[in-house]
C-alpha cells in the first residue's frame, strides 16, 4: 500500500497510529520504513478509557 501511495497515488506522506503496548504493530511499521514521530496522549477511547497512541510516518523522500 505504501509503495502504491507514493508511486501512483501522489501521496507525499503516509502515517499510522498504534496503541502503546502494541509492540507487534509498531515493529511492522518500523520494518516498512515508518519512523516514530511521537506520543498522542489520550488520542482515542479504547474500551471506555482514553488510550495513548504512538504516531509513525513515512515520507515519499525517505
C-alpha atoms as a PDB file:
ATOM      1  CA  UNK A   1       0.000   0.000   0.000  1.00  0.00           C
ATOM      2  CA  UNK A   2       2.766   2.442   0.905  1.00  0.00           C
ATOM      3  CA  UNK A   3       4.656   1.847  -2.333  1.00  0.00           C
ATOM      4  CA  UNK A   4       1.482   2.378  -4.381  1.00  0.00           C
ATOM      5  CA  UNK A   5       0.602   5.543  -2.438  1.00  0.00           C
ATOM      6  CA  UNK A   6       3.965   7.105  -3.260  1.00  0.00           C
ATOM      7  CA  UNK A   7       4.393   5.788  -6.814  1.00  0.00           C
ATOM      8  CA  UNK A   8       0.872   6.035  -8.208  1.00  0.00           C
ATOM      9  CA  UNK A   9      -1.284   7.790  -5.632  1.00  0.00           C
ATOM     10  CA  UNK A  10       0.628  11.050  -5.482  1.00  0.00           C
ATOM     11  CA  UNK A  11       0.959  10.944  -1.705  1.00  0.00           C
ATOM     12  CA  UNK A  12       3.852  12.774  -0.052  1.00  0.00           C
ATOM     13  CA  UNK A  13       3.238  11.398   3.448  1.00  0.00           C
ATOM     14  CA  UNK A  14       1.734   8.262   4.957  1.00  0.00           C
ATOM     15  CA  UNK A  15       1.064   7.989   8.663  1.00  0.00           C
ATOM     16  CA  UNK A  16      -0.279   5.446  11.117  1.00  0.00           C
ATOM     17  CA  UNK A  17      -1.079   5.317  14.801  1.00  0.00           C
ATOM     18  CA  UNK A  18      -0.578   2.339  17.100  1.00  0.00           C
ATOM     19  CA  UNK A  19      -1.908   1.846  20.597  1.00  0.00           C
ATOM     20  CA  UNK A  20       1.006   1.981  23.014  1.00  0.00           C
ATOM     21  CA  UNK A  21       1.831  -1.507  24.159  1.00  0.00           C
ATOM     22  CA  UNK A  22       1.126  -2.987  20.722  1.00  0.00           C
ATOM     23  CA  UNK A  23       4.763  -3.794  20.042  1.00  0.00           C
ATOM     24  CA  UNK A  24       3.987  -6.126  17.140  1.00  0.00           C
ATOM     25  CA  UNK A  25       2.211  -3.472  15.087  1.00  0.00           C
ATOM     26  CA  UNK A  26       4.890  -0.896  15.894  1.00  0.00           C
ATOM     27  CA  UNK A  27       7.549  -3.345  14.706  1.00  0.00           C
ATOM     28  CA  UNK A  28       5.701  -3.930  11.414  1.00  0.00           C
ATOM     29  CA  UNK A  29       5.574  -0.180  10.742  1.00  0.00           C
ATOM     30  CA  UNK A  30       9.277   0.206  11.526  1.00  0.00           C
ATOM     31  CA  UNK A  31      10.172  -2.663   9.189  1.00  0.00           C
ATOM     32  CA  UNK A  32       8.154  -0.912   6.466  1.00  0.00           C
ATOM     33  CA  UNK A  33      10.278   2.216   6.881  1.00  0.00           C
ATOM     34  CA  UNK A  34       7.947   4.245   9.079  1.00  0.00           C
ATOM     35  CA  UNK A  35       9.575   6.430  11.726  1.00  0.00           C
ATOM     36  CA  UNK A  36       8.332   7.121  15.230  1.00  0.00           C
ATOM     37  CA  UNK A  37       7.213  10.759  15.480  1.00  0.00           C
ATOM     38  CA  UNK A  38       5.763  10.986  18.959  1.00  0.00           C
ATOM     39  CA  UNK A  39       3.135  10.075  21.502  1.00  0.00           C
ATOM     40  CA  UNK A  40      -0.503  11.120  21.130  1.00  0.00           C
ATOM     41  CA  UNK A  41      -1.745  11.190  24.713  1.00  0.00           C
ATOM     42  CA  UNK A  42      -5.412  10.273  25.268  1.00  0.00           C
ATOM     43  CA  UNK A  43      -5.835  10.255  21.480  1.00  0.00           C
ATOM     44  CA  UNK A  44      -8.772   7.863  21.228  1.00  0.00           C
ATOM     45  CA  UNK A  45     -11.133   5.971  23.514  1.00  0.00           C
ATOM     46  CA  UNK A  46     -10.229   2.304  23.985  1.00  0.00           C
ATOM     47  CA  UNK A  47     -12.760   0.173  25.844  1.00  0.00           C
ATOM     48  CA  UNK A  48     -14.172   3.258  27.553  1.00  0.00           C
ATOM     49  CA  UNK A  49     -10.888   4.856  28.618  1.00  0.00           C
ATOM     50  CA  UNK A  50      -8.598   7.315  26.822  1.00  0.00           C
ATOM     51  CA  UNK A  51      -5.748   5.471  25.126  1.00  0.00           C
ATOM     52  CA  UNK A  52      -2.285   6.732  24.261  1.00  0.00           C
ATOM     53  CA  UNK A  53      -1.110   6.101  20.707  1.00  0.00           C
ATOM     54  CA  UNK A  54       2.283   6.232  19.009  1.00  0.00           C
ATOM     55  CA  UNK A  55       2.437   8.163  15.717  1.00  0.00           C
ATOM     56  CA  UNK A  56       4.539   6.737  12.883  1.00  0.00           C
ATOM     57  CA  UNK A  57       5.049   8.300   9.460  1.00  0.00           C
ATOM     58  CA  UNK A  58       6.934   7.811   6.231  1.00  0.00           C
ATOM     59  CA  UNK A  59       7.634  10.435   3.586  1.00  0.00           C
ATOM     60  CA  UNK A  60       7.996   9.815  -0.124  1.00  0.00           C
ATOM     61  CA  UNK A  61      11.542  11.175   0.194  1.00  0.00           C
ATOM     62  CA  UNK A  62      12.530   8.654   2.918  1.00  0.00           C
END
